[in-house]
Structure formats: C-alpha cells, structure tokens
C-alpha cells in the first residue's frame, strides 16, 4: 500500500480514542505501566556466585508492561479517582 493510500484520521477523531495517559489502570513509576493485569514473569539465566562460579542459575523477574501515553487497548477505563 502506498503512503498516499494510508488512512489518516483527523485530529478531532484522535482526541476521542482512549489513551493510556487517561486510563485508570495506568501507573507512573518512572515509566508508565499498565496495571490492569498481574505482572508478567520472565526467567533469566545469570552467572551464579561462588562456590558455583562458572555455572548459570535462573532468576525470576516480574514486571508490568510499559506503555506510551498515546497507546490504547480494549481494557481502557477512564480514570475517575474511585475504584469499583
């Protein structure tokens, strides 16, 4: 598809789409993160400390997904200041 055929929304319609910066699930902790669902776990293999130096050991990390202020999704809920 050519660039000329790409759909371009007028700015007035972009203002209507729900965005993370106005969502109740968004939390700013340095970065903006979505707290709609539990954190996702990731397992990383890291070098083990002595006495097992030279071996690798698993470390579990958990984090919420990082989002941008203009992202939006099907779970958007306007921030009202009160919890359901």
PDB file of N, CA and C in Angstrom:
ATOM      1  N   UNK A   1       0.857  -1.175   0.000  1.00  0.00           N
ATOM      2  CA  UNK A   1       0.000   0.000   0.000  1.00  0.00           C
ATOM      3  C   UNK A   1       0.900   1.235   0.000  1.00  0.00           C
ATOM      4  N   UNK A   2       0.562   2.191  -0.822  1.00  0.00           N
ATOM      5  CA  UNK A   2       1.361   3.411  -0.896  1.00  0.00           C
ATOM      6  C   UNK A   2       1.055   4.320   0.289  1.00  0.00           C
ATOM      7  N   UNK A   3       1.972   5.248   0.541  1.00  0.00           N
ATOM      8  CA  UNK A   3       1.768   6.183   1.646  1.00  0.00           C
ATOM      9  C   UNK A   3       0.533   7.036   1.432  1.00  0.00           C
ATOM     10  N   UNK A   4       0.228   7.356   0.176  1.00  0.00           N
ATOM     11  CA  UNK A   4      -0.945   8.183  -0.124  1.00  0.00           C
ATOM     12  C   UNK A   4      -2.231   7.448   0.203  1.00  0.00           C
ATOM     13  N   UNK A   5      -2.206   6.110   0.144  1.00  0.00           N
ATOM     14  CA  UNK A   5      -3.415   5.329   0.408  1.00  0.00           C
ATOM     15  C   UNK A   5      -3.607   5.040   1.895  1.00  0.00           C
ATOM     16  N   UNK A   6      -2.628   5.371   2.741  1.00  0.00           N
ATOM     17  CA  UNK A   6      -2.733   5.110   4.170  1.00  0.00           C
ATOM     18  C   UNK A   6      -3.846   5.950   4.787  1.00  0.00           C
ATOM     19  N   UNK A   7      -4.555   5.354   5.729  1.00  0.00           N
ATOM     20  CA  UNK A   7      -5.647   6.048   6.407  1.00  0.00           C
ATOM     21  C   UNK A   7      -5.082   7.052   7.406  1.00  0.00           C
ATOM     22  N   UNK A   8      -5.514   8.266   7.323  1.00  0.00           N
ATOM     23  CA  UNK A   8      -5.089   9.317   8.242  1.00  0.00           C
ATOM     24  C   UNK A   8      -6.335   9.851   8.927  1.00  0.00           C
ATOM     25  N   UNK A   9      -6.353   9.764  10.243  1.00  0.00           N
ATOM     26  CA  UNK A   9      -7.505  10.248  10.998  1.00  0.00           C
ATOM     27  C   UNK A   9      -7.362  11.737  11.273  1.00  0.00           C
ATOM     28  N   UNK A  10      -8.454  12.479  11.187  1.00  0.00           N
ATOM     29  CA  UNK A  10      -8.391  13.883  11.562  1.00  0.00           C
ATOM     30  C   UNK A  10      -8.053  14.011  13.043  1.00  0.00           C
ATOM     31  N   UNK A  11      -7.422  15.095  13.424  1.00  0.00           N
ATOM     32  CA  UNK A  11      -7.016  15.305  14.816  1.00  0.00           C
ATOM     33  C   UNK A  11      -8.215  15.237  15.757  1.00  0.00           C
ATOM     34  N   UNK A  12      -9.401  15.666  15.328  1.00  0.00           N
ATOM     35  CA  UNK A  12     -10.587  15.628  16.183  1.00  0.00           C
ATOM     36  C   UNK A  12     -10.966  14.193  16.549  1.00  0.00           C
ATOM     37  N   UNK A  13     -10.748  13.230  15.646  1.00  0.00           N
ATOM     38  CA  UNK A  13     -11.039  11.831  15.954  1.00  0.00           C
ATOM     39  C   UNK A  13      -9.975  11.225  16.849  1.00  0.00           C
ATOM     40  N   UNK A  14      -8.722  11.633  16.674  1.00  0.00           N
ATOM     41  CA  UNK A  14      -7.660  11.133  17.546  1.00  0.00           C
ATOM     42  C   UNK A  14      -7.910  11.525  18.995  1.00  0.00           C
ATOM     43  N   UNK A  15      -8.522  12.660  19.228  1.00  0.00           N
ATOM     44  CA  UNK A  15      -8.806  13.118  20.590  1.00  0.00           C
ATOM     45  C   UNK A  15      -9.845  12.227  21.265  1.00  0.00           C
ATOM     46  N   UNK A  16     -10.673  11.530  20.480  1.00  0.00           N
ATOM     47  CA  UNK A  16     -11.727  10.693  21.045  1.00  0.00           C
ATOM     48  C   UNK A  16     -11.252   9.306  21.435  1.00  0.00           C
ATOM     49  N   UNK A  17     -10.151   8.826  20.848  1.00  0.00           N
ATOM     50  CA  UNK A  17      -9.722   7.469  21.156  1.00  0.00           C
ATOM     51  C   UNK A  17      -9.155   7.415  22.568  1.00  0.00           C
ATOM     52  N   UNK A  18      -9.464   6.364  23.308  1.00  0.00           N
ATOM     53  CA  UNK A  18      -8.945   6.249  24.666  1.00  0.00           C
ATOM     54  C   UNK A  18      -7.446   6.053  24.654  1.00  0.00           C
ATOM     55  N   UNK A  19      -6.747   6.735  25.518  1.00  0.00           N
ATOM     56  CA  UNK A  19      -5.288   6.644  25.568  1.00  0.00           C
ATOM     57  C   UNK A  19      -4.836   6.296  26.979  1.00  0.00           C
ATOM     58  N   UNK A  20      -3.686   5.636  27.071  1.00  0.00           N
ATOM     59  CA  UNK A  20      -3.156   5.201  28.363  1.00  0.00           C
ATOM     60  C   UNK A  20      -3.011   6.348  29.357  1.00  0.00           C
ATOM     61  N   UNK A  21      -2.655   7.532  28.899  1.00  0.00           N
ATOM     62  CA  UNK A  21      -2.426   8.636  29.835  1.00  0.00           C
ATOM     63  C   UNK A  21      -3.688   9.020  30.597  1.00  0.00           C
ATOM     64  N   UNK A  22      -4.889   8.647  30.093  1.00  0.00           N
ATOM     65  CA  UNK A  22      -6.140   8.960  30.776  1.00  0.00           C
ATOM     66  C   UNK A  22      -6.805   7.728  31.382  1.00  0.00           C
ATOM     67  N   UNK A  23      -6.112   6.598  31.382  1.00  0.00           N
ATOM     68  CA  UNK A  23      -6.700   5.330  31.829  1.00  0.00           C
ATOM     69  C   UNK A  23      -6.482   5.113  33.325  1.00  0.00           C
ATOM     70  N   UNK A  24      -7.467   4.531  33.981  1.00  0.00           N
ATOM     71  CA  UNK A  24      -7.359   4.271  35.417  1.00  0.00           C
ATOM     72  C   UNK A  24      -6.334   3.191  35.743  1.00  0.00           C
ATOM     73  N   UNK A  25      -5.996   2.328  34.778  1.00  0.00           N
ATOM     74  CA  UNK A  25      -5.038   1.247  35.024  1.00  0.00           C
ATOM     75  C   UNK A  25      -3.594   1.710  34.866  1.00  0.00           C
ATOM     76  N   UNK A  26      -3.367   2.905  34.327  1.00  0.00           N
ATOM     77  CA  UNK A  26      -2.015   3.410  34.126  1.00  0.00           C
ATOM     78  C   UNK A  26      -1.424   3.875  35.453  1.00  0.00           C
ATOM     79  N   UNK A  27      -0.168   3.514  35.668  1.00  0.00           N
ATOM     80  CA  UNK A  27       0.536   3.926  36.880  1.00  0.00           C
ATOM     81  C   UNK A  27       1.907   4.430  36.472  1.00  0.00           C
ATOM     82  N   UNK A  28       2.307   5.573  36.988  1.00  0.00           N
ATOM     83  CA  UNK A  28       3.625   6.125  36.644  1.00  0.00           C
ATOM     84  C   UNK A  28       4.598   5.776  37.760  1.00  0.00           C
ATOM     85  N   UNK A  29       5.562   4.939  37.403  1.00  0.00           N
ATOM     86  CA  UNK A  29       6.615   4.513  38.330  1.00  0.00           C
ATOM     87  C   UNK A  29       7.938   4.690  37.590  1.00  0.00           C
ATOM     88  N   UNK A  30       8.285   5.953  37.329  1.00  0.00           N
ATOM     89  CA  UNK A  30       9.392   6.236  36.425  1.00  0.00           C
ATOM     90  C   UNK A  30       8.869   6.164  35.004  1.00  0.00           C
ATOM     91  N   UNK A  31       8.562   4.957  34.538  1.00  0.00           N
ATOM     92  CA  UNK A  31       7.907   4.750  33.252  1.00  0.00           C
ATOM     93  C   UNK A  31       6.406   4.611  33.496  1.00  0.00           C
ATOM     94  N   UNK A  32       5.615   4.718  32.440  1.00  0.00           N
ATOM     95  CA  UNK A  32       4.183   4.455  32.552  1.00  0.00           C
ATOM     96  C   UNK A  32       3.975   2.951  32.395  1.00  0.00           C
ATOM     97  N   UNK A  33       3.268   2.334  33.337  1.00  0.00           N
ATOM     98  CA  UNK A  33       2.999   0.900  33.261  1.00  0.00           C
ATOM     99  C   UNK A  33       1.498   0.648  33.362  1.00  0.00           C
ATOM    100  N   UNK A  34       1.052  -0.434  32.721  1.00  0.00           N
ATOM    101  CA  UNK A  34      -0.353  -0.829  32.765  1.00  0.00           C
ATOM    102  C   UNK A  34      -0.526  -1.845  33.885  1.00  0.00           C
ATOM    103  N   UNK A  35      -1.404  -1.544  34.833  1.00  0.00           N
ATOM    104  CA  UNK A  35      -1.635  -2.445  35.964  1.00  0.00           C
ATOM    105  C   UNK A  35      -3.006  -3.099  35.894  1.00  0.00           C
ATOM    106  N   UNK A  36      -3.533  -3.265  34.687  1.00  0.00           N
ATOM    107  CA  UNK A  36      -4.834  -3.911  34.515  1.00  0.00           C
ATOM    108  C   UNK A  36      -4.762  -5.384  34.883  1.00  0.00           C
ATOM    109  N   UNK A  37      -3.679  -6.057  34.517  1.00  0.00           N
ATOM    110  CA  UNK A  37      -3.485  -7.482  34.779  1.00  0.00           C
ATOM    111  C   UNK A  37      -2.262  -7.664  35.663  1.00  0.00           C
ATOM    112  N   UNK A  38      -2.111  -8.861  36.265  1.00  0.00           N
ATOM    113  CA  UNK A  38      -0.934  -9.102  37.109  1.00  0.00           C
ATOM    114  C   UNK A  38       0.359  -8.961  36.313  1.00  0.00           C
ATOM    115  N   UNK A  39       1.477  -8.723  37.006  1.00  0.00           N
ATOM    116  CA  UNK A  39       2.762  -8.617  36.302  1.00  0.00           C
ATOM    117  C   UNK A  39       3.092  -9.916  35.565  1.00  0.00           C
ATOM    118  N   UNK A  40       3.860  -9.781  34.502  1.00  0.00           N
ATOM    119  CA  UNK A  40       4.308 -10.934  33.724  1.00  0.00           C
ATOM    120  C   UNK A  40       5.659 -11.394  34.257  1.00  0.00           C
ATOM    121  N   UNK A  41       5.829 -12.703  34.378  1.00  0.00           N
ATOM    122  CA  UNK A  41       7.089 -13.264  34.872  1.00  0.00           C
ATOM    123  C   UNK A  41       8.007 -13.618  33.720  1.00  0.00           C
ATOM    124  N   UNK A  42       9.287 -13.406  33.939  1.00  0.00           N
ATOM    125  CA  UNK A  42      10.322 -13.764  32.983  1.00  0.00           C
ATOM    126  C   UNK A  42      11.439 -14.439  33.754  1.00  0.00           C
ATOM    127  N   UNK A  43      11.998 -15.489  33.178  1.00  0.00           N
ATOM    128  CA  UNK A  43      13.130 -16.173  33.813  1.00  0.00           C
ATOM    129  C   UNK A  43      14.378 -15.857  33.006  1.00  0.00           C
ATOM    130  N   UNK A  44      15.396 -15.331  33.698  1.00  0.00           N
ATOM    131  CA  UNK A  44      16.686 -15.029  33.058  1.00  0.00           C
ATOM    132  C   UNK A  44      17.745 -15.927  33.677  1.00  0.00           C
ATOM    133  N   UNK A  45      18.674 -16.342  32.859  1.00  0.00           N
ATOM    134  CA  UNK A  45      19.811 -17.127  33.352  1.00  0.00           C
ATOM    135  C   UNK A  45      20.972 -16.162  33.582  1.00  0.00           C
ATOM    136  N   UNK A  46      21.508 -16.171  34.791  1.00  0.00           N
ATOM    137  CA  UNK A  46      22.615 -15.281  35.157  1.00  0.00           C
ATOM    138  C   UNK A  46      23.761 -16.104  35.750  1.00  0.00           C
ATOM    139  N   UNK A  47      24.978 -15.573  35.703  1.00  0.00           N
ATOM    140  CA  UNK A  47      26.113 -16.297  36.309  1.00  0.00           C
ATOM    141  C   UNK A  47      25.892 -16.468  37.811  1.00  0.00           C
ATOM    142  N   UNK A  48      26.169 -17.659  38.290  1.00  0.00           N
ATOM    143  CA  UNK A  48      25.998 -17.971  39.713  1.00  0.00           C
ATOM    144  C   UNK A  48      27.189 -17.442  40.518  1.00  0.00           C
ATOM    145  N   UNK A  49      26.931 -17.054  41.775  1.00  0.00           N
ATOM    146  CA  UNK A  49      28.036 -16.604  42.635  1.00  0.00           C
ATOM    147  C   UNK A  49      28.842 -17.823  43.127  1.00  0.00           C
ATOM    148  N   UNK A  50      30.020 -17.580  43.693  1.00  0.00           N
ATOM    149  CA  UNK A  50      30.793 -18.694  44.263  1.00  0.00           C
ATOM    150  C   UNK A  50      29.960 -19.385  45.341  1.00  0.00           C
ATOM    151  N   UNK A  51      30.022 -20.627  45.556  1.00  0.00           N
ATOM    152  CA  UNK A  51      31.006 -21.583  45.053  1.00  0.00           C
ATOM    153  C   UNK A  51      30.614 -22.189  43.700  1.00  0.00           C
ATOM    154  N   UNK A  52      29.573 -21.726  43.063  1.00  0.00           N
ATOM    155  CA  UNK A  52      29.145 -22.283  41.772  1.00  0.00           C
ATOM    156  C   UNK A  52      29.564 -21.395  40.609  1.00  0.00           C
ATOM    157  N   UNK A  53      30.622 -20.631  40.774  1.00  0.00           N
ATOM    158  CA  UNK A  53      31.101 -19.738  39.716  1.00  0.00           C
ATOM    159  C   UNK A  53      31.323 -20.526  38.436  1.00  0.00           C
ATOM    160  N   UNK A  54      30.948 -19.921  37.314  1.00  0.00           N
ATOM    161  CA  UNK A  54      31.079 -20.587  36.028  1.00  0.00           C
ATOM    162  C   UNK A  54      29.801 -21.283  35.596  1.00  0.00           C
ATOM    163  N   UNK A  55      28.866 -21.465  36.532  1.00  0.00           N
ATOM    164  CA  UNK A  55      27.572 -22.062  36.199  1.00  0.00           C
ATOM    165  C   UNK A  55      26.533 -20.960  36.051  1.00  0.00           C
ATOM    166  N   UNK A  56      25.420 -21.300  35.448  1.00  0.00           N
ATOM    167  CA  UNK A  56      24.320 -20.342  35.295  1.00  0.00           C
ATOM    168  C   UNK A  56      23.190 -20.749  36.226  1.00  0.00           C
ATOM    169  N   UNK A  57      22.476 -19.753  36.759  1.00  0.00           N
ATOM    170  CA  UNK A  57      21.329 -20.040  37.626  1.00  0.00           C
ATOM    171  C   UNK A  57      20.135 -19.200  37.173  1.00  0.00           C
ATOM    172  N   UNK A  58      18.922 -19.707  37.347  1.00  0.00           N
ATOM    173  CA  UNK A  58      17.735 -18.953  36.935  1.00  0.00           C
ATOM    174  C   UNK A  58      17.359 -17.887  37.967  1.00  0.00           C
ATOM    175  N   UNK A  59      16.928 -16.732  37.474  1.00  0.00           N
ATOM    176  CA  UNK A  59      16.428 -15.656  38.321  1.00  0.00           C
ATOM    177  C   UNK A  59      15.074 -15.248  37.747  1.00  0.00           C
ATOM    178  N   UNK A  60      14.053 -15.178  38.591  1.00  0.00           N
ATOM    179  CA  UNK A  60      12.717 -14.810  38.140  1.00  0.00           C
ATOM    180  C   UNK A  60      12.507 -13.314  38.322  1.00  0.00           C
ATOM    181  N   UNK A  61      12.052 -12.654  37.267  1.00  0.00           N
ATOM    182  CA  UNK A  61      11.736 -11.229  37.293  1.00  0.00           C
ATOM    183  C   UNK A  61      10.252 -11.066  36.968  1.00  0.00           C
ATOM    184  N   UNK A  62       9.607 -10.109  37.579  1.00  0.00           N
ATOM    185  CA  UNK A  62       8.201  -9.833  37.284  1.00  0.00           C
ATOM    186  C   UNK A  62       8.046  -8.338  37.043  1.00  0.00           C
ATOM    187  N   UNK A  63       7.284  -7.985  36.010  1.00  0.00           N
ATOM    188  CA  UNK A  63       7.072  -6.570  35.716  1.00  0.00           C
ATOM    189  C   UNK A  63       5.752  -6.370  34.983  1.00  0.00           C
ATOM    190  N   UNK A  64       5.204  -5.169  35.162  1.00  0.00           N
ATOM    191  CA  UNK A  64       4.014  -4.773  34.425  1.00  0.00           C
ATOM    192  C   UNK A  64       4.466  -4.261  33.058  1.00  0.00           C
ATOM    193  N   UNK A  65       3.611  -4.387  32.026  1.00  0.00           N
ATOM    194  CA  UNK A  65       4.010  -3.887  30.710  1.00  0.00           C
ATOM    195  C   UNK A  65       4.174  -2.372  30.700  1.00  0.00           C
ATOM    196  N   UNK A  66       5.243  -1.901  30.058  1.00  0.00           N
ATOM    197  CA  UNK A  66       5.474  -0.469  29.886  1.00  0.00           C
ATOM    198  C   UNK A  66       4.629   0.018  28.713  1.00  0.00           C
ATOM    199  N   UNK A  67       3.980   1.167  28.887  1.00  0.00           N
ATOM    200  CA  UNK A  67       3.108   1.720  27.845  1.00  0.00           C
ATOM    201  C   UNK A  67       3.531   3.152  27.519  1.00  0.00           C
ATOM    202  N   UNK A  68       3.060   3.646  26.384  1.00  0.00           N
ATOM    203  CA  UNK A  68       3.267   5.028  25.964  1.00  0.00           C
ATOM    204  C   UNK A  68       1.964   5.792  26.185  1.00  0.00           C
ATOM    205  N   UNK A  69       2.043   7.116  26.349  1.00  0.00           N
ATOM    206  CA  UNK A  69       0.863   7.913  26.696  1.00  0.00           C
ATOM    207  C   UNK A  69      -0.236   7.876  25.651  1.00  0.00           C
ATOM    208  N   UNK A  70       0.088   7.601  24.382  1.00  0.00           N
ATOM    209  CA  UNK A  70      -0.949   7.609  23.360  1.00  0.00           C
ATOM    210  C   UNK A  70      -1.397   6.206  22.943  1.00  0.00           C
ATOM    211  N   UNK A  71      -0.966   5.172  23.659  1.00  0.00           N
ATOM    212  CA  UNK A  71      -1.432   3.814  23.370  1.00  0.00           C
ATOM    213  C   UNK A  71      -2.858   3.653  23.882  1.00  0.00           C
ATOM    214  N   UNK A  72      -3.553   2.668  23.338  1.00  0.00           N
ATOM    215  CA  UNK A  72      -4.885   2.366  23.841  1.00  0.00           C
ATOM    216  C   UNK A  72      -5.166   0.882  23.614  1.00  0.00           C
ATOM    217  N   UNK A  73      -6.123   0.333  24.356  1.00  0.00           N
ATOM    218  CA  UNK A  73      -6.440  -1.090  24.237  1.00  0.00           C
ATOM    219  C   UNK A  73      -7.909  -1.317  24.561  1.00  0.00           C
ATOM    220  N   UNK A  74      -8.349  -2.553  24.521  1.00  0.00           N
ATOM    221  CA  UNK A  74      -9.737  -2.903  24.808  1.00  0.00           C
ATOM    222  C   UNK A  74     -10.070  -2.881  26.287  1.00  0.00           C
ATOM    223  N   UNK A  75      -9.090  -2.695  27.151  1.00  0.00           N
ATOM    224  CA  UNK A  75      -9.321  -2.673  28.599  1.00  0.00           C
ATOM    225  C   UNK A  75      -9.374  -1.254  29.150  1.00  0.00           C
ATOM    226  N   UNK A  76      -9.360  -0.258  28.274  1.00  0.00           N
ATOM    227  CA  UNK A  76      -9.339   1.144  28.703  1.00  0.00           C
ATOM    228  C   UNK A  76     -10.521   1.448  29.618  1.00  0.00           C
ATOM    229  N   UNK A  77     -10.250   2.162  30.683  1.00  0.00           N
ATOM    230  CA  UNK A  77     -11.279   2.633  31.599  1.00  0.00           C
ATOM    231  C   UNK A  77     -10.864   4.029  32.036  1.00  0.00           C
ATOM    232  N   UNK A  78     -11.726   5.013  31.870  1.00  0.00           N
ATOM    233  CA  UNK A  78     -11.388   6.391  32.211  1.00  0.00           C
ATOM    234  C   UNK A  78     -11.078   6.506  33.702  1.00  0.00           C
ATOM    235  N   UNK A  79     -10.020   7.208  34.033  1.00  0.00           N
ATOM    236  CA  UNK A  79      -9.631   7.405  35.426  1.00  0.00           C
ATOM    237  C   UNK A  79     -10.654   8.314  36.098  1.00  0.00           C
ATOM    238  N   UNK A  80     -11.314   7.805  37.152  1.00  0.00           N
ATOM    239  CA  UNK A  80     -12.349   8.569  37.844  1.00  0.00           C
ATOM    240  C   UNK A  80     -11.942   8.948  39.255  1.00  0.00           C
ATOM    241  N   UNK A  81     -10.877   8.363  39.754  1.00  0.00           N
ATOM    242  CA  UNK A  81     -10.453   8.655  41.111  1.00  0.00           C
ATOM    243  C   UNK A  81     -11.050   7.716  42.127  1.00  0.00           C
ATOM    244  N   UNK A  82     -12.030   6.887  41.742  1.00  0.00           N
ATOM    245  CA  UNK A  82     -12.604   5.906  42.660  1.00  0.00           C
ATOM    246  C   UNK A  82     -12.454   4.507  42.075  1.00  0.00           C
ATOM    247  N   UNK A  83     -12.385   3.523  42.920  1.00  0.00           N
ATOM    248  CA  UNK A  83     -12.235   2.141  42.475  1.00  0.00           C
ATOM    249  C   UNK A  83     -13.582   1.443  42.520  1.00  0.00           C
ATOM    250  N   UNK A  84     -13.846   0.551  41.550  1.00  0.00           N
ATOM    251  CA  UNK A  84     -15.096  -0.213  41.532  1.00  0.00           C
ATOM    252  C   UNK A  84     -15.085  -1.266  42.594  1.00  0.00           C
TER     253      UNK A  84
END
